[in-house]
N, C-alpha and C. Protein backbone atom coordinates (compact mmCIF):
# COMPACT_ATOMS: atom_id res chain seq x y z
N MET A 1 168.01 88.16 142.91
CA MET A 1 167.36 87.38 141.85
C MET A 1 167.87 87.69 140.44
N PHE A 2 168.02 89.02 140.20
CA PHE A 2 168.55 89.49 138.91
C PHE A 2 170.01 88.92 138.77
N HIS A 3 170.78 88.98 139.72
CA HIS A 3 172.12 88.55 139.73
C HIS A 3 172.24 87.00 139.45
N MET A 4 171.24 86.21 139.98
CA MET A 4 171.25 84.77 139.71
C MET A 4 170.75 84.44 138.29
N GLN A 5 169.93 85.26 137.71
CA GLN A 5 169.47 85.04 136.32
C GLN A 5 170.66 85.37 135.41
N PHE A 6 171.38 86.48 135.72
CA PHE A 6 172.56 86.80 134.97
C PHE A 6 173.60 85.81 135.02
N ASN A 7 173.86 85.17 136.04
CA ASN A 7 174.83 84.12 136.10
C ASN A 7 174.39 82.89 135.42
N ILE A 8 173.04 82.53 135.38
CA ILE A 8 172.53 81.39 134.62
C ILE A 8 172.70 81.63 133.15
N LYS A 9 172.46 82.92 132.67
CA LYS A 9 172.59 83.18 131.31
C LYS A 9 174.05 83.06 130.89
N GLN A 10 174.96 83.56 131.75
CA GLN A 10 176.36 83.56 131.44
C GLN A 10 176.82 82.07 131.38
N LEU A 11 176.35 81.24 132.33
CA LEU A 11 176.72 79.83 132.43
C LEU A 11 176.21 79.15 131.22
N SER A 12 174.96 79.40 130.78
CA SER A 12 174.41 78.70 129.59
C SER A 12 175.24 79.23 128.29
N ILE A 13 175.56 80.41 128.18
CA ILE A 13 176.33 80.92 127.11
C ILE A 13 177.74 80.22 127.15
N LEU A 14 178.38 80.12 128.27
CA LEU A 14 179.64 79.48 128.41
C LEU A 14 179.55 78.00 128.00
N LEU A 15 178.57 77.32 128.52
CA LEU A 15 178.33 75.94 128.24
C LEU A 15 178.10 75.72 126.69
N THR A 16 177.26 76.51 126.15
CA THR A 16 176.95 76.43 124.70
C THR A 16 178.20 76.70 123.88
N SER A 17 179.01 77.71 124.22
CA SER A 17 180.25 78.02 123.51
C SER A 17 181.29 76.88 123.68
N THR A 18 181.29 76.28 124.78
CA THR A 18 182.21 75.19 124.97
C THR A 18 181.85 73.97 124.10
N LEU A 19 180.55 73.63 124.11
CA LEU A 19 180.13 72.54 123.30
C LEU A 19 180.26 72.80 121.81
N LEU A 20 180.07 74.01 121.42
CA LEU A 20 180.23 74.46 120.01
C LEU A 20 181.72 74.33 119.61
N MET A 21 182.63 74.75 120.45
CA MET A 21 184.02 74.65 120.17
C MET A 21 184.49 73.20 120.10
N ALA A 22 184.02 72.33 121.07
CA ALA A 22 184.35 70.97 121.00
C ALA A 22 183.79 70.29 119.74
N SER A 23 182.61 70.64 119.29
CA SER A 23 182.06 70.09 118.08
C SER A 23 182.82 70.53 116.87
N CYS A 24 183.20 71.71 116.86
CA CYS A 24 184.02 72.20 115.69
C CYS A 24 185.32 71.63 115.60
N GLY A 25 185.90 71.36 116.81
CA GLY A 25 187.27 70.58 116.86
C GLY A 25 187.09 69.21 116.21
N ASN A 26 186.04 68.54 116.55
CA ASN A 26 185.83 67.16 116.07
C ASN A 26 185.60 67.19 114.54
N LEU A 27 184.73 68.15 114.12
CA LEU A 27 184.45 68.34 112.74
C LEU A 27 185.73 68.72 111.90
N SER A 28 186.53 69.46 112.42
CA SER A 28 187.80 69.87 111.74
C SER A 28 188.65 68.55 111.60
N SER A 29 188.71 67.77 112.64
CA SER A 29 189.46 66.48 112.62
C SER A 29 188.87 65.60 111.50
N ASP A 30 187.61 65.44 111.52
CA ASP A 30 186.95 64.56 110.51
C ASP A 30 187.12 65.13 109.08
N VAL A 31 187.10 66.33 108.89
CA VAL A 31 187.27 66.99 107.57
C VAL A 31 188.72 66.71 107.15
N GLU A 32 189.66 66.88 108.06
CA GLU A 32 191.08 66.67 107.68
C GLU A 32 191.31 65.26 107.28
N LYS A 33 190.70 64.27 108.05
CA LYS A 33 190.83 62.82 107.72
C LYS A 33 190.28 62.55 106.40
N LYS A 34 189.13 63.06 106.09
CA LYS A 34 188.42 62.86 104.73
C LYS A 34 189.35 63.48 103.65
N LEU A 35 189.88 64.58 103.83
CA LEU A 35 190.75 65.25 102.87
C LEU A 35 192.04 64.35 102.60
N ASN A 36 192.56 63.81 103.63
CA ASN A 36 193.68 62.97 103.45
C ASN A 36 193.36 61.70 102.73
N GLU A 37 192.16 61.18 102.97
CA GLU A 37 191.74 59.94 102.22
C GLU A 37 191.57 60.30 100.69
N LEU A 38 190.97 61.44 100.51
CA LEU A 38 190.73 61.88 99.15
C LEU A 38 192.09 62.04 98.40
N LYS A 39 193.03 62.62 99.12
CA LYS A 39 194.40 62.88 98.52
C LYS A 39 195.00 61.61 98.15
N SER A 40 194.94 60.64 99.07
CA SER A 40 195.50 59.28 98.83
C SER A 40 194.79 58.65 97.58
N LYS A 41 193.60 58.62 97.58
CA LYS A 41 192.78 58.05 96.47
C LYS A 41 193.15 58.77 95.19
N SER A 42 193.30 60.09 95.10
CA SER A 42 193.60 60.87 93.86
C SER A 42 195.04 60.52 93.42
N GLU A 43 195.94 60.33 94.38
CA GLU A 43 197.30 59.90 94.01
C GLU A 43 197.32 58.59 93.39
N SER A 44 196.57 57.68 93.93
CA SER A 44 196.48 56.30 93.46
C SER A 44 195.81 56.27 91.99
N LEU A 45 194.74 57.09 91.85
CA LEU A 45 194.08 57.19 90.55
C LEU A 45 195.15 57.81 89.53
N ASP A 46 195.90 58.81 89.93
CA ASP A 46 196.84 59.47 89.10
C ASP A 46 197.88 58.45 88.63
N SER A 47 198.36 57.60 89.50
CA SER A 47 199.36 56.55 89.22
C SER A 47 198.73 55.61 88.22
N MET A 48 197.57 55.17 88.38
CA MET A 48 196.88 54.22 87.50
C MET A 48 196.70 54.83 86.12
N LEU A 49 196.28 56.09 86.02
CA LEU A 49 196.13 56.77 84.85
C LEU A 49 197.43 56.91 84.02
N THR A 50 198.45 57.28 84.81
CA THR A 50 199.83 57.29 84.12
C THR A 50 200.23 56.02 83.52
N LYS A 51 199.97 55.00 84.19
CA LYS A 51 200.31 53.61 83.69
C LYS A 51 199.52 53.33 82.38
N GLU A 52 198.23 53.69 82.46
CA GLU A 52 197.32 53.41 81.23
C GLU A 52 197.78 54.28 80.01
N VAL A 53 198.14 55.50 80.29
CA VAL A 53 198.53 56.43 79.26
C VAL A 53 199.86 55.88 78.62
N ASN A 54 200.73 55.43 79.51
CA ASN A 54 202.02 54.79 79.02
C ASN A 54 201.78 53.56 78.10
N LYS A 55 200.76 52.82 78.46
CA LYS A 55 200.38 51.67 77.56
C LYS A 55 199.88 52.16 76.35
N VAL A 56 199.04 53.25 76.27
CA VAL A 56 198.53 53.71 74.98
C VAL A 56 199.69 54.20 74.15
N TYR A 57 200.62 54.95 74.71
CA TYR A 57 201.75 55.35 74.01
C TYR A 57 202.58 54.17 73.39
N ALA A 58 202.76 53.14 74.14
CA ALA A 58 203.43 51.90 73.74
C ALA A 58 202.69 51.36 72.54
N LEU A 59 201.31 51.29 72.65
CA LEU A 59 200.53 50.65 71.59
C LEU A 59 200.58 51.53 70.39
N ASP A 60 200.53 52.83 70.56
CA ASP A 60 200.62 53.76 69.38
C ASP A 60 201.97 53.58 68.70
N SER A 61 203.05 53.46 69.47
CA SER A 61 204.30 53.16 68.83
C SER A 61 204.37 51.81 68.00
N LEU A 62 203.77 50.82 68.59
CA LEU A 62 203.74 49.52 67.91
C LEU A 62 202.85 49.62 66.59
N ILE A 63 201.74 50.36 66.70
CA ILE A 63 200.89 50.54 65.48
C ILE A 63 201.67 51.29 64.39
N HIS A 64 202.41 52.39 64.85
CA HIS A 64 203.17 53.12 63.88
C HIS A 64 204.27 52.23 63.17
N SER A 65 204.88 51.40 63.92
CA SER A 65 205.92 50.51 63.45
C SER A 65 205.35 49.50 62.47
N GLU A 66 204.21 48.94 62.86
CA GLU A 66 203.51 48.00 61.93
C GLU A 66 203.07 48.66 60.61
N HIS A 67 202.63 49.89 60.77
CA HIS A 67 202.20 50.69 59.61
C HIS A 67 203.34 50.85 58.62
N GLU A 68 204.50 51.15 59.21
CA GLU A 68 205.70 51.37 58.31
C GLU A 68 206.01 50.11 57.59
N LYS A 69 205.94 49.00 58.32
CA LYS A 69 206.13 47.64 57.67
C LYS A 69 205.12 47.44 56.50
N VAL A 70 203.86 47.69 56.75
CA VAL A 70 202.88 47.57 55.69
C VAL A 70 203.13 48.47 54.45
N LYS A 71 203.64 49.71 54.78
CA LYS A 71 204.00 50.60 53.71
C LYS A 71 205.20 49.99 52.92
N GLN A 72 206.17 49.40 53.55
CA GLN A 72 207.24 48.85 52.85
C GLN A 72 206.79 47.58 52.05
N LEU A 73 205.96 46.78 52.60
CA LEU A 73 205.48 45.57 51.85
C LEU A 73 204.56 46.09 50.70
N ASP A 74 203.86 47.07 50.83
CA ASP A 74 203.03 47.55 49.71
C ASP A 74 203.99 48.07 48.62
N SER A 75 205.04 48.77 49.06
CA SER A 75 206.02 49.19 48.04
C SER A 75 206.71 48.05 47.24
N VAL A 76 206.99 47.03 47.95
CA VAL A 76 207.60 45.85 47.32
C VAL A 76 206.57 45.16 46.36
N ILE A 77 205.32 45.08 46.83
CA ILE A 77 204.30 44.53 45.96
C ILE A 77 204.09 45.37 44.77
N GLN A 78 204.13 46.71 44.94
CA GLN A 78 204.01 47.54 43.76
C GLN A 78 205.04 47.37 42.74
N SER A 79 206.23 47.30 43.21
CA SER A 79 207.42 47.19 42.33
C SER A 79 207.32 45.84 41.55
N LYS A 80 207.05 44.74 42.33
CA LYS A 80 206.93 43.39 41.78
C LYS A 80 205.82 43.29 40.70
N THR A 81 204.68 44.04 41.04
CA THR A 81 203.54 44.06 40.09
C THR A 81 203.98 44.74 38.81
N GLN A 82 204.67 45.86 38.97
CA GLN A 82 205.14 46.58 37.71
C GLN A 82 206.08 45.77 36.92
N LEU A 83 206.95 45.04 37.64
CA LEU A 83 207.94 44.20 36.96
C LEU A 83 207.18 43.17 36.21
N LEU A 84 206.21 42.48 36.77
CA LEU A 84 205.39 41.47 36.16
C LEU A 84 204.64 42.05 34.87
N GLN A 85 204.12 43.24 35.02
CA GLN A 85 203.44 43.84 33.97
C GLN A 85 204.41 44.11 32.79
N GLN A 86 205.59 44.53 33.08
CA GLN A 86 206.59 44.72 32.05
C GLN A 86 207.00 43.46 31.36
N LEU A 87 207.07 42.38 32.13
CA LEU A 87 207.44 41.07 31.60
C LEU A 87 206.31 40.53 30.65
N THR A 88 205.13 40.82 30.99
CA THR A 88 204.01 40.24 30.30
C THR A 88 203.68 41.04 29.01
N GLN A 89 204.19 42.19 28.89
CA GLN A 89 203.94 43.02 27.63
C GLN A 89 204.73 42.68 26.44
């Protein structure tokens, strides 16, 4: 009788351990799959972010160029205004 109970306990422990190991194997596979999906999404997001940053740099360069043109135009207007003032005096 004692020997039979001992075997039932061993069998239940073995069965529980087997189920637990199988469950952990599936969980590990699911976690790895989710990590791969996250990695792919983060790489895609990084690529999109890089493109947007490059657009900002291009826009900043354009703004700087236009600002330089405005400064030159302002300088021309200043010199012409001074010339006009000299002529009218």
